[in-house]
Amino acid sequence: MKNIILSQSKLVVAAILLFAFLGVTNSCKKSSDTPGANEVYIENMAFNPKTITVAANTTITWTNKDGVAHTVTSATGLFDSGTISNNGVYSHKFTTAGTYSYICTIHPDMVGTVVVNAN
């Protein structure tokens, strides 16, 4: 009888720990893990999405979801966000069709592309 009570106690403790762990991990999730239309998230040391395609005259907004600063800097000098801190945003309106490559000047391995289609 004593062994049954001890086994049940261990089971209850394990269940409580499991539910506590699941509660903590779910509370740490972002409200939206996927960028919306015309949005790029800067997260996990990358641009997400890496390539975004929009129509001419569209404004794209980058949001820094990393704990470190980043930039959004055009390879041709067309746009430059300057330093974007955690939770900071930068927007740029693309008026001309073309393909625009950009990098984070702080972390040059971070690259992205904006493809702008004519209306």
N, C-alpha and C. Protein backbone atom coordinates (compact mmCIF):
# COMPACT_ATOMS: atom_id res chain seq x y z
N MET A 1 0.82 -1.19 0.00
CA MET A 1 0.00 0.00 0.00
C MET A 1 0.86 1.27 0.00
N LYS A 2 1.93 1.20 0.81
CA LYS A 2 2.84 2.33 0.91
C LYS A 2 3.50 2.62 -0.44
N ASN A 3 3.86 1.57 -1.19
CA ASN A 3 4.48 1.72 -2.52
C ASN A 3 3.51 2.35 -3.52
N ILE A 4 2.24 2.01 -3.44
CA ILE A 4 1.25 2.57 -4.35
C ILE A 4 1.10 4.07 -4.11
N ILE A 5 1.02 4.46 -2.84
CA ILE A 5 0.90 5.89 -2.50
C ILE A 5 2.14 6.65 -2.95
N LEU A 6 3.32 6.07 -2.75
CA LEU A 6 4.56 6.71 -3.17
C LEU A 6 4.61 6.85 -4.69
N SER A 7 4.18 5.84 -5.43
CA SER A 7 4.15 5.89 -6.89
C SER A 7 3.17 6.95 -7.38
N GLN A 8 2.00 7.01 -6.74
CA GLN A 8 1.01 8.02 -7.12
C GLN A 8 1.54 9.43 -6.84
N SER A 9 2.23 9.61 -5.75
CA SER A 9 2.80 10.92 -5.41
C SER A 9 3.83 11.34 -6.46
N LYS A 10 4.67 10.41 -6.87
CA LYS A 10 5.67 10.72 -7.89
C LYS A 10 4.99 11.09 -9.20
N LEU A 11 3.92 10.40 -9.54
CA LEU A 11 3.18 10.68 -10.77
C LEU A 11 2.56 12.08 -10.71
N VAL A 12 1.99 12.44 -9.58
CA VAL A 12 1.40 13.77 -9.42
C VAL A 12 2.47 14.85 -9.53
N VAL A 13 3.60 14.66 -8.89
CA VAL A 13 4.69 15.63 -8.96
C VAL A 13 5.19 15.77 -10.40
N ALA A 14 5.33 14.66 -11.11
CA ALA A 14 5.77 14.70 -12.50
C ALA A 14 4.77 15.45 -13.37
N ALA A 15 3.48 15.22 -13.14
CA ALA A 15 2.44 15.91 -13.92
C ALA A 15 2.48 17.41 -13.64
N ILE A 16 2.65 17.79 -12.39
CA ILE A 16 2.72 19.22 -12.04
C ILE A 16 3.93 19.88 -12.71
N LEU A 17 5.06 19.21 -12.66
CA LEU A 17 6.25 19.76 -13.30
C LEU A 17 6.08 19.89 -14.81
N LEU A 18 5.44 18.90 -15.42
CA LEU A 18 5.21 18.95 -16.87
C LEU A 18 4.31 20.12 -17.23
N PHE A 19 3.21 20.29 -16.51
CA PHE A 19 2.31 21.41 -16.80
C PHE A 19 2.97 22.76 -16.53
N ALA A 20 3.79 22.85 -15.51
CA ALA A 20 4.52 24.09 -15.23
C ALA A 20 5.48 24.41 -16.37
N PHE A 21 6.19 23.39 -16.85
CA PHE A 21 7.13 23.59 -17.96
C PHE A 21 6.39 24.04 -19.21
N LEU A 22 5.28 23.39 -19.54
CA LEU A 22 4.51 23.76 -20.72
C LEU A 22 3.95 25.17 -20.60
N GLY A 23 3.53 25.56 -19.42
CA GLY A 23 3.02 26.91 -19.21
C GLY A 23 4.09 27.96 -19.44
N VAL A 24 5.29 27.71 -18.97
CA VAL A 24 6.40 28.66 -19.14
C VAL A 24 6.79 28.75 -20.61
N THR A 25 6.92 27.63 -21.29
CA THR A 25 7.36 27.69 -22.69
C THR A 25 6.31 28.35 -23.56
N ASN A 26 5.03 28.12 -23.30
CA ASN A 26 3.99 28.77 -24.10
C ASN A 26 3.90 30.26 -23.83
N SER A 27 4.21 30.70 -22.61
CA SER A 27 4.13 32.12 -22.31
C SER A 27 5.27 32.90 -22.94
N CYS A 28 6.35 32.22 -23.34
CA CYS A 28 7.50 32.89 -23.94
C CYS A 28 7.34 33.07 -25.45
N LYS A 29 6.32 32.47 -26.05
CA LYS A 29 6.14 32.59 -27.49
C LYS A 29 5.69 33.99 -27.85
N LYS A 30 6.09 34.44 -29.02
CA LYS A 30 5.67 35.73 -29.51
C LYS A 30 4.21 35.67 -29.90
N SER A 31 3.54 36.82 -29.89
CA SER A 31 2.14 36.83 -30.25
C SER A 31 1.98 36.49 -31.74
N SER A 32 2.96 36.80 -32.53
CA SER A 32 2.90 36.49 -33.96
C SER A 32 4.30 36.09 -34.42
N ASP A 33 4.48 34.82 -34.71
CA ASP A 33 5.80 34.35 -35.13
C ASP A 33 6.03 34.53 -36.62
N THR A 34 5.02 34.95 -37.34
CA THR A 34 5.13 35.11 -38.78
C THR A 34 4.88 36.56 -39.15
N PRO A 35 5.78 37.15 -39.93
CA PRO A 35 5.54 38.53 -40.35
C PRO A 35 4.29 38.63 -41.22
N GLY A 36 3.60 39.75 -41.12
CA GLY A 36 2.43 39.98 -41.96
C GLY A 36 2.85 40.43 -43.35
N ALA A 37 1.86 40.78 -44.13
CA ALA A 37 2.12 41.28 -45.48
C ALA A 37 2.99 42.54 -45.39
N ASN A 38 3.97 42.63 -46.23
CA ASN A 38 4.85 43.80 -46.32
C ASN A 38 5.68 44.02 -45.06
N GLU A 39 5.94 42.94 -44.32
CA GLU A 39 6.76 43.02 -43.12
C GLU A 39 7.93 42.05 -43.21
N VAL A 40 9.03 42.48 -42.62
CA VAL A 40 10.20 41.60 -42.49
C VAL A 40 10.59 41.65 -41.02
N TYR A 41 10.74 40.49 -40.41
CA TYR A 41 11.24 40.42 -39.03
C TYR A 41 12.74 40.21 -39.07
N ILE A 42 13.43 40.88 -38.19
CA ILE A 42 14.86 40.64 -37.98
C ILE A 42 14.92 39.81 -36.70
N GLU A 43 15.21 38.52 -36.89
CA GLU A 43 15.21 37.62 -35.74
C GLU A 43 16.15 36.46 -35.97
N ASN A 44 16.73 35.99 -34.88
CA ASN A 44 17.67 34.87 -34.96
C ASN A 44 18.81 35.16 -35.93
N MET A 45 19.25 36.42 -35.91
CA MET A 45 20.37 36.86 -36.75
C MET A 45 20.11 36.63 -38.24
N ALA A 46 18.86 36.89 -38.67
CA ALA A 46 18.49 36.72 -40.07
C ALA A 46 17.29 37.62 -40.37
N PHE A 47 17.07 37.87 -41.66
CA PHE A 47 15.89 38.57 -42.13
C PHE A 47 14.83 37.52 -42.47
N ASN A 48 13.62 37.71 -41.98
CA ASN A 48 12.54 36.75 -42.21
C ASN A 48 11.31 37.49 -42.73
N PRO A 49 10.95 37.31 -44.01
CA PRO A 49 11.56 36.41 -44.97
C PRO A 49 12.85 37.00 -45.54
N LYS A 50 13.68 36.12 -46.05
CA LYS A 50 14.95 36.55 -46.64
C LYS A 50 14.70 37.32 -47.94
N THR A 51 13.69 36.90 -48.70
CA THR A 51 13.28 37.59 -49.93
C THR A 51 11.80 37.91 -49.82
N ILE A 52 11.44 39.16 -50.10
CA ILE A 52 10.04 39.56 -50.09
C ILE A 52 9.73 40.20 -51.43
N THR A 53 8.56 39.87 -51.98
CA THR A 53 8.13 40.39 -53.28
C THR A 53 6.88 41.24 -53.07
N VAL A 54 6.92 42.47 -53.59
CA VAL A 54 5.81 43.40 -53.43
C VAL A 54 5.57 44.14 -54.73
N ALA A 55 4.45 44.85 -54.80
CA ALA A 55 4.16 45.71 -55.94
C ALA A 55 4.82 47.07 -55.72
N ALA A 56 5.06 47.78 -56.81
CA ALA A 56 5.61 49.13 -56.71
C ALA A 56 4.69 49.99 -55.84
N ASN A 57 5.26 50.97 -55.18
CA ASN A 57 4.57 51.88 -54.26
C ASN A 57 4.11 51.19 -52.97
N THR A 58 4.84 50.17 -52.58
CA THR A 58 4.56 49.46 -51.33
C THR A 58 5.61 49.83 -50.30
N THR A 59 5.16 50.04 -49.07
CA THR A 59 6.07 50.29 -47.96
C THR A 59 6.31 48.99 -47.22
N ILE A 60 7.57 48.68 -47.01
CA ILE A 60 7.95 47.51 -46.23
C ILE A 60 8.44 47.99 -44.87
N THR A 61 8.05 47.27 -43.83
CA THR A 61 8.47 47.59 -42.47
C THR A 61 9.30 46.44 -41.92
N TRP A 62 10.49 46.76 -41.44
CA TRP A 62 11.36 45.79 -40.76
C TRP A 62 11.22 46.01 -39.27
N THR A 63 11.09 44.93 -38.50
CA THR A 63 11.01 45.00 -37.04
C THR A 63 12.12 44.14 -36.46
N ASN A 64 12.92 44.74 -35.59
CA ASN A 64 14.02 44.02 -34.96
C ASN A 64 13.50 43.26 -33.74
N LYS A 65 13.44 41.94 -33.85
CA LYS A 65 12.99 41.09 -32.75
C LYS A 65 14.15 40.41 -32.05
N ASP A 66 15.37 40.77 -32.42
CA ASP A 66 16.57 40.24 -31.76
C ASP A 66 16.93 41.12 -30.57
N GLY A 67 17.75 40.59 -29.69
CA GLY A 67 18.21 41.34 -28.53
C GLY A 67 19.41 42.22 -28.80
N VAL A 68 19.86 42.24 -30.06
CA VAL A 68 21.00 43.07 -30.45
C VAL A 68 20.59 43.99 -31.59
N ALA A 69 21.37 45.05 -31.78
CA ALA A 69 21.08 46.03 -32.83
C ALA A 69 21.42 45.49 -34.21
N HIS A 70 20.69 45.98 -35.21
CA HIS A 70 20.92 45.62 -36.61
C HIS A 70 20.71 46.85 -37.48
N THR A 71 21.05 46.71 -38.76
CA THR A 71 20.71 47.73 -39.75
C THR A 71 20.04 47.05 -40.94
N VAL A 72 19.37 47.86 -41.73
CA VAL A 72 18.81 47.44 -43.01
C VAL A 72 19.41 48.42 -44.01
N THR A 73 20.43 47.96 -44.75
CA THR A 73 21.21 48.87 -45.58
C THR A 73 21.28 48.36 -47.02
N SER A 74 20.79 49.16 -47.93
CA SER A 74 20.79 48.81 -49.35
C SER A 74 22.21 48.66 -49.88
N ALA A 75 22.41 47.69 -50.74
CA ALA A 75 23.73 47.48 -51.36
C ALA A 75 24.10 48.65 -52.28
N THR A 76 23.10 49.40 -52.77
CA THR A 76 23.36 50.51 -53.69
C THR A 76 23.25 51.87 -53.02
N GLY A 77 22.95 51.90 -51.72
CA GLY A 77 22.81 53.18 -51.03
C GLY A 77 21.42 53.80 -51.13
N LEU A 78 20.46 53.07 -51.69
CA LEU A 78 19.10 53.60 -51.84
C LEU A 78 18.43 53.86 -50.49
N PHE A 79 18.68 52.99 -49.52
CA PHE A 79 18.09 53.17 -48.19
C PHE A 79 19.05 52.66 -47.13
N ASP A 80 18.95 53.26 -45.95
CA ASP A 80 19.77 52.85 -44.81
C ASP A 80 19.02 53.20 -43.53
N SER A 81 18.72 52.19 -42.76
CA SER A 81 17.93 52.38 -41.55
C SER A 81 18.70 53.05 -40.42
N GLY A 82 20.03 53.00 -40.48
CA GLY A 82 20.79 53.33 -39.29
C GLY A 82 20.61 52.19 -38.31
N THR A 83 21.05 52.35 -37.09
CA THR A 83 20.96 51.28 -36.10
C THR A 83 19.52 51.13 -35.61
N ILE A 84 19.03 49.89 -35.65
CA ILE A 84 17.69 49.57 -35.15
C ILE A 84 17.87 48.73 -33.89
N SER A 85 17.45 49.26 -32.76
CA SER A 85 17.55 48.54 -31.50
C SER A 85 16.45 47.49 -31.39
N ASN A 86 16.52 46.68 -30.33
CA ASN A 86 15.50 45.67 -30.07
C ASN A 86 14.11 46.31 -30.04
N ASN A 87 13.19 45.69 -30.77
CA ASN A 87 11.80 46.14 -30.93
C ASN A 87 11.67 47.42 -31.76
N GLY A 88 12.77 47.90 -32.32
CA GLY A 88 12.72 49.07 -33.18
C GLY A 88 12.21 48.70 -34.57
N VAL A 89 11.72 49.69 -35.29
CA VAL A 89 11.20 49.47 -36.64
C VAL A 89 11.82 50.46 -37.62
N TYR A 90 11.82 50.04 -38.88
CA TYR A 90 12.27 50.91 -39.97
C TYR A 90 11.37 50.60 -41.16
N SER A 91 10.95 51.63 -41.88
CA SER A 91 10.11 51.45 -43.06
C SER A 91 10.70 52.17 -44.25
N HIS A 92 10.48 51.59 -45.44
CA HIS A 92 10.92 52.22 -46.68
C HIS A 92 9.88 51.92 -47.76
N LYS A 93 9.54 52.95 -48.54
CA LYS A 93 8.58 52.80 -49.64
C LYS A 93 9.34 52.54 -50.93
N PHE A 94 9.00 51.47 -51.62
CA PHE A 94 9.63 51.09 -52.88
C PHE A 94 8.72 51.53 -54.02
N THR A 95 9.21 52.50 -54.80
CA THR A 95 8.37 53.09 -55.86
C THR A 95 8.71 52.59 -57.26
N THR A 96 9.86 51.97 -57.42
CA THR A 96 10.32 51.55 -58.75
C THR A 96 10.55 50.05 -58.78
N ALA A 97 10.08 49.43 -59.86
CA ALA A 97 10.27 47.98 -60.02
C ALA A 97 11.76 47.66 -60.08
N GLY A 98 12.13 46.53 -59.52
CA GLY A 98 13.52 46.09 -59.54
C GLY A 98 13.80 45.13 -58.40
N THR A 99 15.04 44.71 -58.29
CA THR A 99 15.49 43.82 -57.23
C THR A 99 16.50 44.58 -56.39
N TYR A 100 16.24 44.65 -55.10
CA TYR A 100 17.05 45.43 -54.18
C TYR A 100 17.64 44.52 -53.11
N SER A 101 18.95 44.39 -53.12
CA SER A 101 19.66 43.60 -52.11
C SER A 101 20.01 44.50 -50.94
N TYR A 102 20.00 43.92 -49.74
CA TYR A 102 20.39 44.68 -48.56
C TYR A 102 21.08 43.78 -47.55
N ILE A 103 21.78 44.42 -46.61
CA ILE A 103 22.51 43.68 -45.57
C ILE A 103 22.32 44.38 -44.24
N CYS A 104 22.77 43.71 -43.19
CA CYS A 104 22.97 44.35 -41.89
C CYS A 104 24.45 44.69 -41.85
N THR A 105 24.78 45.96 -41.76
CA THR A 105 26.20 46.35 -41.77
C THR A 105 26.92 45.91 -40.51
N ILE A 106 26.18 45.67 -39.43
CA ILE A 106 26.79 45.20 -38.19
C ILE A 106 27.12 43.71 -38.30
N HIS A 107 26.28 42.98 -39.02
CA HIS A 107 26.44 41.53 -39.20
C HIS A 107 26.32 41.24 -40.70
N PRO A 108 27.39 41.43 -41.47
CA PRO A 108 27.33 41.36 -42.94
C PRO A 108 26.89 40.01 -43.52
N ASP A 109 26.87 38.96 -42.69
CA ASP A 109 26.35 37.67 -43.18
C ASP A 109 24.83 37.68 -43.28
N MET A 110 24.20 38.68 -42.68
CA MET A 110 22.74 38.81 -42.76
C MET A 110 22.41 39.56 -44.05
N VAL A 111 21.75 38.87 -44.97
CA VAL A 111 21.41 39.47 -46.27
C VAL A 111 19.93 39.24 -46.56
N GLY A 112 19.38 40.15 -47.34
CA GLY A 112 17.99 40.03 -47.76
C GLY A 112 17.79 40.66 -49.11
N THR A 113 16.61 40.41 -49.69
CA THR A 113 16.30 40.95 -51.01
C THR A 113 14.84 41.38 -51.05
N VAL A 114 14.61 42.53 -51.66
CA VAL A 114 13.26 43.02 -51.94
C VAL A 114 13.09 42.99 -53.45
N VAL A 115 12.06 42.28 -53.91
CA VAL A 115 11.74 42.24 -55.34
C VAL A 115 10.48 43.09 -55.50
N VAL A 116 10.57 44.13 -56.34
CA VAL A 116 9.46 45.03 -56.56
C VAL A 116 8.96 44.84 -57.98
N ASN A 117 7.70 44.43 -58.10
CA ASN A 117 7.08 44.24 -59.41
C ASN A 117 6.35 45.51 -59.83
N ALA A 118 6.30 45.77 -61.14
CA ALA A 118 5.55 46.92 -61.66
C ALA A 118 4.07 46.69 -61.38
N ASN A 119 3.34 47.77 -61.21
CA ASN A 119 1.89 47.66 -60.94
C ASN A 119 1.15 47.10 -62.13
